[in-house]
Amino acid sequence: MRRKKDKKRKTPAAALFLETAGGILLAAVLLCCIPLTLPRLAGYEVYEVISGSMEPEIPTGSLVYVKWTEPEQIEAGDVIAFYGGKDTGAVITHRVVKNQVVSGQFITKGDANEKEDLAPVEYDRYMGKVTLALPRLGALLGRVVTVPGRIGAGCAVGAAALMLLAAGRLRETGKEEKRK
């Protein structure tokens, strides 16, 4: 009795390697971008902490998520984000010591600082309440949002797509050869 040939088609090793590598690369890019993009769709702003004024609670290099909350709702103990000055783009995250609703100002202090901040924070410099801080992920933001970072992410997605496309072609070539 003759055995029938196994009808299962084996995937070429190169196709399997390219599919796996392409899938891993694409997943890595997506995992890097999700913490930076999805929260923005939900109304959060995302910033990197570059100073140690809030350590140990929020270490340097953390990624902080800031959500708009009416300034009158902010309480002592909340951490807020605000512009360092009216003409500067620097964003500061400090803890509220006192919310002076009548004068429209916050008295703030960095956890690592001995004294309160010298100048009160006017409501017009207030950006929102810090709702989440993720240590060490700020470095990711710093790299990905730059022009070279965006180019690198785009290249990685392109490379992953090419790997997946090549794997598909190798599979098709393997099927055609087995039909002959």
N, C-alpha and C. Protein backbone atom coordinates (compact mmCIF):
# COMPACT_ATOMS: atom_id res chain seq x y z
N MET A 1 0.82 -1.17 0.00
CA MET A 1 0.00 0.00 0.00
C MET A 1 0.87 1.25 0.00
N ARG A 2 0.54 2.13 -0.88
CA ARG A 2 1.31 3.36 -0.96
C ARG A 2 0.71 4.43 -0.07
N ARG A 3 1.59 5.13 0.59
CA ARG A 3 1.15 6.24 1.44
C ARG A 3 0.87 7.46 0.59
N LYS A 4 -0.19 8.12 0.93
CA LYS A 4 -0.48 9.38 0.25
C LYS A 4 0.47 10.43 0.76
N LYS A 5 0.83 11.33 -0.14
CA LYS A 5 1.69 12.44 0.28
C LYS A 5 0.95 13.31 1.28
N ASP A 6 1.70 13.78 2.22
CA ASP A 6 1.14 14.68 3.23
C ASP A 6 0.67 15.95 2.54
N LYS A 7 -0.59 16.26 2.68
CA LYS A 7 -1.16 17.43 2.01
C LYS A 7 -0.80 18.74 2.72
N LYS A 8 -0.32 18.65 3.95
CA LYS A 8 0.07 19.87 4.67
C LYS A 8 1.26 20.49 3.98
N ARG A 9 1.15 21.79 3.79
CA ARG A 9 2.25 22.51 3.17
C ARG A 9 3.07 23.15 4.25
N LYS A 10 4.34 22.94 4.17
CA LYS A 10 5.23 23.53 5.16
C LYS A 10 5.59 24.95 4.73
N THR A 11 5.63 25.82 5.72
CA THR A 11 6.01 27.20 5.47
C THR A 11 7.52 27.29 5.35
N PRO A 12 8.02 27.97 4.31
CA PRO A 12 9.48 28.13 4.21
C PRO A 12 10.02 28.83 5.45
N ALA A 13 11.18 28.41 5.89
CA ALA A 13 11.78 28.96 7.11
C ALA A 13 12.00 30.46 7.01
N ALA A 14 12.42 30.93 5.85
CA ALA A 14 12.65 32.37 5.67
C ALA A 14 11.36 33.16 5.84
N ALA A 15 10.24 32.61 5.33
CA ALA A 15 8.94 33.29 5.47
C ALA A 15 8.54 33.34 6.94
N LEU A 16 8.74 32.26 7.64
CA LEU A 16 8.41 32.21 9.06
C LEU A 16 9.25 33.22 9.85
N PHE A 17 10.53 33.28 9.52
CA PHE A 17 11.42 34.24 10.20
C PHE A 17 10.98 35.67 9.92
N LEU A 18 10.70 36.00 8.65
CA LEU A 18 10.30 37.36 8.29
C LEU A 18 8.97 37.74 8.92
N GLU A 19 8.02 36.81 8.97
CA GLU A 19 6.73 37.09 9.62
C GLU A 19 6.92 37.38 11.11
N THR A 20 7.73 36.57 11.74
CA THR A 20 7.96 36.75 13.18
C THR A 20 8.69 38.07 13.46
N ALA A 21 9.77 38.32 12.72
CA ALA A 21 10.55 39.54 12.93
C ALA A 21 9.71 40.78 12.61
N GLY A 22 8.98 40.74 11.51
CA GLY A 22 8.13 41.87 11.13
C GLY A 22 7.04 42.12 12.15
N GLY A 23 6.43 41.05 12.64
CA GLY A 23 5.38 41.18 13.65
C GLY A 23 5.91 41.76 14.95
N ILE A 24 7.08 41.30 15.37
CA ILE A 24 7.69 41.80 16.61
C ILE A 24 8.06 43.28 16.46
N LEU A 25 8.64 43.64 15.32
CA LEU A 25 9.02 45.03 15.09
C LEU A 25 7.80 45.95 15.07
N LEU A 26 6.75 45.52 14.39
CA LEU A 26 5.53 46.31 14.34
C LEU A 26 4.90 46.44 15.73
N ALA A 27 4.87 45.35 16.48
CA ALA A 27 4.32 45.39 17.84
C ALA A 27 5.13 46.32 18.74
N ALA A 28 6.46 46.31 18.58
CA ALA A 28 7.32 47.17 19.40
C ALA A 28 7.03 48.65 19.12
N VAL A 29 6.88 49.00 17.84
CA VAL A 29 6.58 50.39 17.49
C VAL A 29 5.22 50.78 18.05
N LEU A 30 4.23 49.91 17.90
CA LEU A 30 2.90 50.21 18.43
C LEU A 30 2.91 50.37 19.95
N LEU A 31 3.64 49.49 20.63
CA LEU A 31 3.71 49.58 22.09
C LEU A 31 4.40 50.85 22.54
N CYS A 32 5.34 51.34 21.76
CA CYS A 32 6.00 52.62 22.09
C CYS A 32 5.08 53.80 21.86
N CYS A 33 4.25 53.71 20.84
CA CYS A 33 3.40 54.85 20.48
C CYS A 33 2.09 54.92 21.26
N ILE A 34 1.59 53.80 21.71
CA ILE A 34 0.29 53.79 22.40
C ILE A 34 0.26 54.71 23.62
N PRO A 35 1.28 54.67 24.52
CA PRO A 35 1.20 55.56 25.69
C PRO A 35 1.28 57.04 25.33
N LEU A 36 1.70 57.34 24.10
CA LEU A 36 1.83 58.74 23.69
C LEU A 36 0.62 59.23 22.90
N THR A 37 -0.10 58.32 22.25
CA THR A 37 -1.17 58.75 21.35
C THR A 37 -2.57 58.52 21.90
N LEU A 38 -2.86 57.35 22.41
CA LEU A 38 -4.22 57.06 22.88
C LEU A 38 -4.69 58.01 23.97
N PRO A 39 -3.87 58.35 24.96
CA PRO A 39 -4.35 59.29 25.98
C PRO A 39 -4.74 60.65 25.40
N ARG A 40 -4.07 61.07 24.36
CA ARG A 40 -4.41 62.36 23.74
C ARG A 40 -5.81 62.33 23.14
N LEU A 41 -6.20 61.18 22.63
CA LEU A 41 -7.55 61.05 22.10
C LEU A 41 -8.59 61.17 23.21
N ALA A 42 -8.20 60.86 24.44
CA ALA A 42 -9.10 60.95 25.59
C ALA A 42 -9.00 62.31 26.30
N GLY A 43 -8.27 63.26 25.70
CA GLY A 43 -8.20 64.60 26.27
C GLY A 43 -7.04 64.86 27.21
N TYR A 44 -6.07 63.95 27.26
CA TYR A 44 -4.90 64.14 28.12
C TYR A 44 -3.77 64.76 27.32
N GLU A 45 -2.96 65.53 27.99
CA GLU A 45 -1.70 65.99 27.42
C GLU A 45 -0.60 65.16 28.10
N VAL A 46 0.46 64.90 27.37
CA VAL A 46 1.52 64.03 27.87
C VAL A 46 2.83 64.82 27.86
N TYR A 47 3.56 64.77 28.99
CA TYR A 47 4.82 65.52 29.11
C TYR A 47 5.88 64.66 29.77
N GLU A 48 7.12 65.02 29.49
CA GLU A 48 8.27 64.37 30.13
C GLU A 48 8.75 65.26 31.27
N VAL A 49 9.03 64.65 32.42
CA VAL A 49 9.56 65.39 33.57
C VAL A 49 11.08 65.44 33.43
N ILE A 50 11.62 66.67 33.42
CA ILE A 50 13.05 66.82 33.19
C ILE A 50 13.81 67.36 34.41
N SER A 51 13.10 67.59 35.51
CA SER A 51 13.81 68.03 36.71
C SER A 51 13.40 67.16 37.89
N GLY A 52 14.17 67.22 38.94
CA GLY A 52 13.92 66.39 40.11
C GLY A 52 13.11 67.07 41.20
N SER A 53 12.41 68.15 40.88
CA SER A 53 11.70 68.90 41.92
C SER A 53 10.54 68.13 42.55
N MET A 54 10.06 67.08 41.91
CA MET A 54 8.95 66.30 42.46
C MET A 54 9.38 64.91 42.94
N GLU A 55 10.68 64.68 43.03
CA GLU A 55 11.15 63.37 43.50
C GLU A 55 10.93 63.23 44.99
N PRO A 56 10.68 62.07 45.49
CA PRO A 56 10.66 60.76 44.82
C PRO A 56 9.30 60.41 44.20
N GLU A 57 8.26 61.20 44.46
CA GLU A 57 6.92 60.90 43.94
C GLU A 57 6.90 60.79 42.42
N ILE A 58 7.50 61.76 41.75
CA ILE A 58 7.56 61.76 40.28
C ILE A 58 9.03 61.96 39.89
N PRO A 59 9.74 60.86 39.61
CA PRO A 59 11.17 60.97 39.30
C PRO A 59 11.44 61.62 37.93
N THR A 60 12.63 62.17 37.80
CA THR A 60 13.08 62.70 36.52
C THR A 60 12.98 61.58 35.48
N GLY A 61 12.53 61.93 34.29
CA GLY A 61 12.38 60.94 33.23
C GLY A 61 11.01 60.29 33.20
N SER A 62 10.10 60.71 34.09
CA SER A 62 8.75 60.15 34.09
C SER A 62 7.92 60.75 32.97
N LEU A 63 6.91 60.01 32.58
CA LEU A 63 5.90 60.50 31.65
C LEU A 63 4.70 60.87 32.50
N VAL A 64 4.21 62.11 32.38
CA VAL A 64 3.04 62.52 33.16
C VAL A 64 1.87 62.80 32.23
N TYR A 65 0.70 62.41 32.68
CA TYR A 65 -0.55 62.62 31.95
C TYR A 65 -1.33 63.72 32.66
N VAL A 66 -1.66 64.75 31.91
CA VAL A 66 -2.32 65.93 32.47
C VAL A 66 -3.70 66.06 31.84
N LYS A 67 -4.71 66.19 32.68
CA LYS A 67 -6.10 66.33 32.22
C LYS A 67 -6.65 67.65 32.73
N TRP A 68 -7.32 68.39 31.84
CA TRP A 68 -7.92 69.65 32.24
C TRP A 68 -8.97 69.40 33.32
N THR A 69 -8.85 70.12 34.38
CA THR A 69 -9.82 70.14 35.48
C THR A 69 -10.02 71.61 35.81
N GLU A 70 -11.23 72.00 36.07
CA GLU A 70 -11.48 73.40 36.42
C GLU A 70 -10.58 73.79 37.58
N PRO A 71 -9.90 74.94 37.49
CA PRO A 71 -8.95 75.33 38.54
C PRO A 71 -9.59 75.42 39.93
N GLU A 72 -10.85 75.78 39.98
CA GLU A 72 -11.54 75.90 41.27
C GLU A 72 -11.72 74.54 41.95
N GLN A 73 -11.62 73.46 41.20
CA GLN A 73 -11.80 72.11 41.75
C GLN A 73 -10.50 71.52 42.28
N ILE A 74 -9.39 72.18 42.03
CA ILE A 74 -8.09 71.68 42.49
C ILE A 74 -7.98 71.90 44.00
N GLU A 75 -7.48 70.87 44.68
CA GLU A 75 -7.36 70.94 46.13
C GLU A 75 -5.89 70.86 46.54
N ALA A 76 -5.63 71.28 47.78
CA ALA A 76 -4.27 71.14 48.33
C ALA A 76 -3.88 69.68 48.27
N GLY A 77 -2.66 69.43 47.82
CA GLY A 77 -2.17 68.05 47.68
C GLY A 77 -2.20 67.54 46.25
N ASP A 78 -3.04 68.14 45.40
CA ASP A 78 -3.07 67.74 43.99
C ASP A 78 -1.79 68.22 43.30
N VAL A 79 -1.37 67.46 42.31
CA VAL A 79 -0.22 67.87 41.49
C VAL A 79 -0.78 68.45 40.21
N ILE A 80 -0.30 69.64 39.86
CA ILE A 80 -0.77 70.31 38.65
C ILE A 80 0.39 70.58 37.70
N ALA A 81 0.04 70.83 36.45
CA ALA A 81 1.02 71.26 35.45
C ALA A 81 0.68 72.70 35.09
N PHE A 82 1.72 73.51 34.93
CA PHE A 82 1.52 74.91 34.57
C PHE A 82 2.73 75.41 33.80
N TYR A 83 2.50 76.51 33.07
CA TYR A 83 3.60 77.12 32.33
C TYR A 83 4.48 77.87 33.31
N GLY A 84 5.80 77.74 33.13
CA GLY A 84 6.76 78.39 34.02
C GLY A 84 6.68 79.90 33.95
N GLY A 85 6.34 80.46 32.83
CA GLY A 85 6.21 81.91 32.67
C GLY A 85 5.26 82.18 31.52
N LYS A 86 4.80 83.40 31.42
CA LYS A 86 3.83 83.73 30.38
C LYS A 86 4.43 83.62 28.98
N ASP A 87 5.71 83.86 28.84
CA ASP A 87 6.34 83.84 27.53
C ASP A 87 7.21 82.62 27.29
N THR A 88 7.11 81.64 28.16
CA THR A 88 7.94 80.45 28.02
C THR A 88 7.08 79.22 27.77
N GLY A 89 7.63 78.26 27.10
CA GLY A 89 6.91 77.01 26.86
C GLY A 89 7.22 75.95 27.91
N ALA A 90 8.04 76.30 28.91
CA ALA A 90 8.42 75.32 29.93
C ALA A 90 7.20 74.93 30.75
N VAL A 91 7.04 73.62 30.93
CA VAL A 91 5.93 73.10 31.72
C VAL A 91 6.49 72.60 33.05
N ILE A 92 5.87 73.02 34.14
CA ILE A 92 6.30 72.64 35.49
C ILE A 92 5.20 71.82 36.13
N THR A 93 5.60 70.78 36.84
CA THR A 93 4.63 70.00 37.63
C THR A 93 5.02 70.14 39.10
N HIS A 94 4.13 70.73 39.88
CA HIS A 94 4.34 70.89 41.32
C HIS A 94 3.05 70.60 42.06
N ARG A 95 3.20 70.36 43.35
CA ARG A 95 2.05 70.08 44.21
C ARG A 95 1.43 71.38 44.69
N VAL A 96 0.10 71.41 44.75
CA VAL A 96 -0.62 72.57 45.23
C VAL A 96 -0.60 72.57 46.76
N VAL A 97 -0.13 73.66 47.33
CA VAL A 97 -0.14 73.84 48.78
C VAL A 97 -1.46 74.51 49.17
N LYS A 98 -1.89 75.46 48.32
CA LYS A 98 -3.13 76.17 48.60
C LYS A 98 -3.71 76.67 47.29
N ASN A 99 -5.03 76.55 47.15
CA ASN A 99 -5.72 77.09 45.99
C ASN A 99 -6.46 78.35 46.44
N GLN A 100 -5.99 79.49 45.97
CA GLN A 100 -6.59 80.77 46.33
C GLN A 100 -7.60 81.14 45.25
N VAL A 101 -8.80 80.60 45.38
CA VAL A 101 -9.83 80.76 44.36
C VAL A 101 -10.20 82.23 44.15
N VAL A 102 -10.30 82.99 45.23
CA VAL A 102 -10.71 84.39 45.12
C VAL A 102 -9.72 85.19 44.27
N SER A 103 -8.42 84.97 44.46
CA SER A 103 -7.42 85.71 43.68
C SER A 103 -7.03 84.98 42.39
N GLY A 104 -7.53 83.75 42.19
CA GLY A 104 -7.22 83.01 40.97
C GLY A 104 -5.77 82.58 40.89
N GLN A 105 -5.25 82.07 42.03
CA GLN A 105 -3.84 81.67 42.08
C GLN A 105 -3.68 80.38 42.88
N PHE A 106 -2.62 79.66 42.53
CA PHE A 106 -2.20 78.49 43.31
C PHE A 106 -0.89 78.82 44.00
N ILE A 107 -0.75 78.35 45.22
CA ILE A 107 0.55 78.35 45.89
C ILE A 107 1.05 76.92 45.71
N THR A 108 2.23 76.77 45.13
CA THR A 108 2.75 75.45 44.79
C THR A 108 4.14 75.21 45.40
N LYS A 109 4.52 73.94 45.39
CA LYS A 109 5.83 73.56 45.92
C LYS A 109 6.22 72.23 45.30
N GLY A 110 7.46 72.11 44.90
CA GLY A 110 7.98 70.83 44.46
C GLY A 110 8.24 69.96 45.68
N ASP A 111 7.92 68.67 45.62
CA ASP A 111 8.11 67.77 46.77
C ASP A 111 9.55 67.78 47.27
N ALA A 112 10.51 67.91 46.36
CA ALA A 112 11.93 67.87 46.75
C ALA A 112 12.45 69.24 47.18
N ASN A 113 11.64 70.26 47.03
CA ASN A 113 12.06 71.61 47.42
C ASN A 113 11.71 71.87 48.88
N GLU A 114 12.57 72.64 49.56
CA GLU A 114 12.33 72.95 50.97
C GLU A 114 11.22 73.97 51.16
N LYS A 115 11.11 74.91 50.24
CA LYS A 115 10.16 76.01 50.40
C LYS A 115 9.17 76.04 49.24
N GLU A 116 8.07 76.75 49.49
CA GLU A 116 7.08 76.97 48.44
C GLU A 116 7.72 77.76 47.30
N ASP A 117 7.12 77.65 46.12
CA ASP A 117 7.60 78.43 44.97
C ASP A 117 7.47 79.92 45.29
N LEU A 118 8.42 80.71 44.79
CA LEU A 118 8.45 82.14 45.09
C LEU A 118 7.20 82.88 44.61
N ALA A 119 6.79 82.60 43.39
CA ALA A 119 5.64 83.31 42.83
C ALA A 119 4.43 82.38 42.75
N PRO A 120 3.25 82.88 43.08
CA PRO A 120 2.04 82.08 42.92
C PRO A 120 1.81 81.80 41.43
N VAL A 121 1.08 80.76 41.16
CA VAL A 121 0.74 80.38 39.78
C VAL A 121 -0.65 80.92 39.48
N GLU A 122 -0.69 81.86 38.54
CA GLU A 122 -1.98 82.43 38.12
C GLU A 122 -2.78 81.37 37.38
N TYR A 123 -4.08 81.42 37.47
CA TYR A 123 -4.94 80.46 36.77
C TYR A 123 -4.68 80.46 35.26
N ASP A 124 -4.26 81.58 34.69
CA ASP A 124 -4.05 81.61 33.24
C ASP A 124 -2.79 80.85 32.81
N ARG A 125 -1.94 80.48 33.76
CA ARG A 125 -0.76 79.64 33.46
C ARG A 125 -1.03 78.17 33.75
N TYR A 126 -2.12 77.87 34.38
CA TYR A 126 -2.50 76.51 34.76
C TYR A 126 -2.90 75.71 33.51
N MET A 127 -2.44 74.45 33.43
CA MET A 127 -2.72 73.60 32.28
C MET A 127 -3.65 72.44 32.61
N GLY A 128 -3.55 71.93 33.83
CA GLY A 128 -4.39 70.81 34.21
C GLY A 128 -3.80 70.05 35.39
N LYS A 129 -4.54 69.03 35.79
CA LYS A 129 -4.14 68.20 36.94
C LYS A 129 -3.38 66.97 36.43
N VAL A 130 -2.29 66.65 37.11
CA VAL A 130 -1.53 65.45 36.77
C VAL A 130 -2.30 64.25 37.34
N THR A 131 -2.72 63.36 36.46
CA THR A 131 -3.53 62.22 36.90
C THR A 131 -2.73 60.92 36.96
N LEU A 132 -1.60 60.88 36.26
CA LEU A 132 -0.79 59.66 36.22
C LEU A 132 0.64 60.02 35.90
N ALA A 133 1.57 59.34 36.56
CA ALA A 133 2.99 59.51 36.26
C ALA A 133 3.60 58.12 36.09
N LEU A 134 4.26 57.89 34.97
CA LEU A 134 4.90 56.61 34.68
C LEU A 134 6.41 56.81 34.65
N PRO A 135 7.11 56.30 35.67
CA PRO A 135 8.57 56.47 35.73
C PRO A 135 9.26 55.90 34.50
N ARG A 136 10.33 56.57 34.08
CA ARG A 136 11.23 56.17 33.01
C ARG A 136 10.65 56.21 31.60
N LEU A 137 9.37 56.40 31.45
CA LEU A 137 8.79 56.43 30.10
C LEU A 137 8.92 57.79 29.42
N GLY A 138 9.33 58.80 30.16
CA GLY A 138 9.52 60.12 29.58
C GLY A 138 10.63 60.14 28.54
N ALA A 139 11.65 59.32 28.74
CA ALA A 139 12.74 59.23 27.77
C ALA A 139 12.20 58.77 26.41
N LEU A 140 11.22 57.89 26.45
CA LEU A 140 10.57 57.43 25.22
C LEU A 140 9.92 58.61 24.50
N LEU A 141 9.17 59.42 25.25
CA LEU A 141 8.53 60.59 24.66
C LEU A 141 9.57 61.50 24.04
N GLY A 142 10.65 61.74 24.78
CA GLY A 142 11.69 62.62 24.30
C GLY A 142 12.32 62.16 23.00
N ARG A 143 12.38 60.87 22.81
CA ARG A 143 12.99 60.33 21.58
C ARG A 143 12.00 60.24 20.42
N VAL A 144 10.78 59.83 20.71
CA VAL A 144 9.82 59.57 19.64
C VAL A 144 9.25 60.85 19.05
N VAL A 145 9.10 61.90 19.85
CA VAL A 145 8.46 63.12 19.33
C VAL A 145 9.41 64.02 18.56
N THR A 146 10.68 63.72 18.54
CA THR A 146 11.63 64.50 17.75
C THR A 146 11.52 64.09 16.28
N VAL A 147 12.03 64.91 15.40
CA VAL A 147 12.01 64.58 13.97
C VAL A 147 12.76 63.27 13.70
N PRO A 148 13.99 63.09 14.24
CA PRO A 148 14.66 61.80 14.01
C PRO A 148 13.88 60.62 14.61
N GLY A 149 13.21 60.84 15.74
CA GLY A 149 12.41 59.78 16.35
C GLY A 149 11.24 59.38 15.48
N ARG A 150 10.57 60.38 14.92
CA ARG A 150 9.43 60.10 14.04
C ARG A 150 9.90 59.40 12.76
N ILE A 151 11.04 59.84 12.25
CA ILE A 151 11.59 59.19 11.05
C ILE A 151 11.94 57.74 11.38
N GLY A 152 12.56 57.53 12.54
CA GLY A 152 12.92 56.17 12.95
C GLY A 152 11.70 55.28 13.12
N ALA A 153 10.64 55.81 13.74
CA ALA A 153 9.41 55.03 13.91
C ALA A 153 8.79 54.70 12.56
N GLY A 154 8.79 55.68 11.67
CA GLY A 154 8.26 55.45 10.32
C GLY A 154 9.06 54.40 9.56
N CYS A 155 10.38 54.48 9.69
CA CYS A 155 11.25 53.48 9.04
C CYS A 155 11.02 52.09 9.61
N ALA A 156 10.83 52.01 10.92
CA ALA A 156 10.58 50.71 11.55
C ALA A 156 9.26 50.11 11.06
N VAL A 157 8.23 50.94 10.94
CA VAL A 157 6.95 50.46 10.41
C VAL A 157 7.12 50.02 8.96
N GLY A 158 7.86 50.81 8.18
CA GLY A 158 8.12 50.44 6.79
C GLY A 158 8.89 49.12 6.68
N ALA A 159 9.90 48.96 7.52
CA ALA A 159 10.68 47.71 7.51
C ALA A 159 9.81 46.52 7.90
N ALA A 160 8.94 46.71 8.90
CA ALA A 160 8.05 45.63 9.32
C ALA A 160 7.09 45.26 8.17
N ALA A 161 6.56 46.27 7.49
CA ALA A 161 5.65 46.01 6.37
C ALA A 161 6.37 45.26 5.26
N LEU A 162 7.61 45.66 4.96
CA LEU A 162 8.38 44.96 3.92
C LEU A 162 8.65 43.51 4.31
N MET A 163 8.97 43.29 5.59
CA MET A 163 9.21 41.91 6.05
C MET A 163 7.95 41.06 5.89
N LEU A 164 6.80 41.62 6.28
CA LEU A 164 5.55 40.87 6.17
C LEU A 164 5.18 40.63 4.71
N LEU A 165 5.42 41.60 3.85
CA LEU A 165 5.17 41.45 2.42
C LEU A 165 6.08 40.38 1.82
N ALA A 166 7.36 40.42 2.18
CA ALA A 166 8.31 39.42 1.68
C ALA A 166 7.93 38.02 2.16
N ALA A 167 7.49 37.92 3.40
CA ALA A 167 7.07 36.61 3.93
C ALA A 167 5.88 36.07 3.14
N GLY A 168 4.94 36.94 2.80
CA GLY A 168 3.79 36.51 2.00
C GLY A 168 4.20 36.04 0.63
N ARG A 169 5.14 36.75 0.02
CA ARG A 169 5.64 36.34 -1.30
C ARG A 169 6.35 34.99 -1.23
N LEU A 170 7.15 34.78 -0.19
CA LEU A 170 7.84 33.50 -0.03
C LEU A 170 6.84 32.36 0.16
N ARG A 171 5.78 32.61 0.89
CA ARG A 171 4.74 31.58 1.07
C ARG A 171 4.10 31.23 -0.27
N GLU A 172 3.77 32.26 -1.05
CA GLU A 172 3.15 32.02 -2.37
C GLU A 172 4.10 31.27 -3.29
N THR A 173 5.37 31.63 -3.28
CA THR A 173 6.37 30.95 -4.11
C THR A 173 6.47 29.48 -3.70
N GLY A 174 6.45 29.25 -2.38
CA GLY A 174 6.52 27.87 -1.88
C GLY A 174 5.31 27.05 -2.30
N LYS A 175 4.12 27.67 -2.33
CA LYS A 175 2.90 26.97 -2.75
C LYS A 175 2.96 26.63 -4.23
N GLU A 176 3.46 27.57 -5.02
CA GLU A 176 3.54 27.34 -6.47
C GLU A 176 4.51 26.21 -6.79
N GLU A 177 5.63 26.15 -6.08
CA GLU A 177 6.63 25.10 -6.33
C GLU A 177 6.08 23.74 -5.95
N LYS A 178 5.26 23.66 -4.93
CA LYS A 178 4.71 22.38 -4.51
C LYS A 178 3.62 21.91 -5.45
N ARG A 179 2.98 22.83 -6.16
CA ARG A 179 1.94 22.44 -7.12
C ARG A 179 2.54 21.80 -8.36
N LYS A 180 3.78 22.15 -8.68
CA LYS A 180 4.42 21.65 -9.91
C LYS A 180 4.80 20.23 -9.79
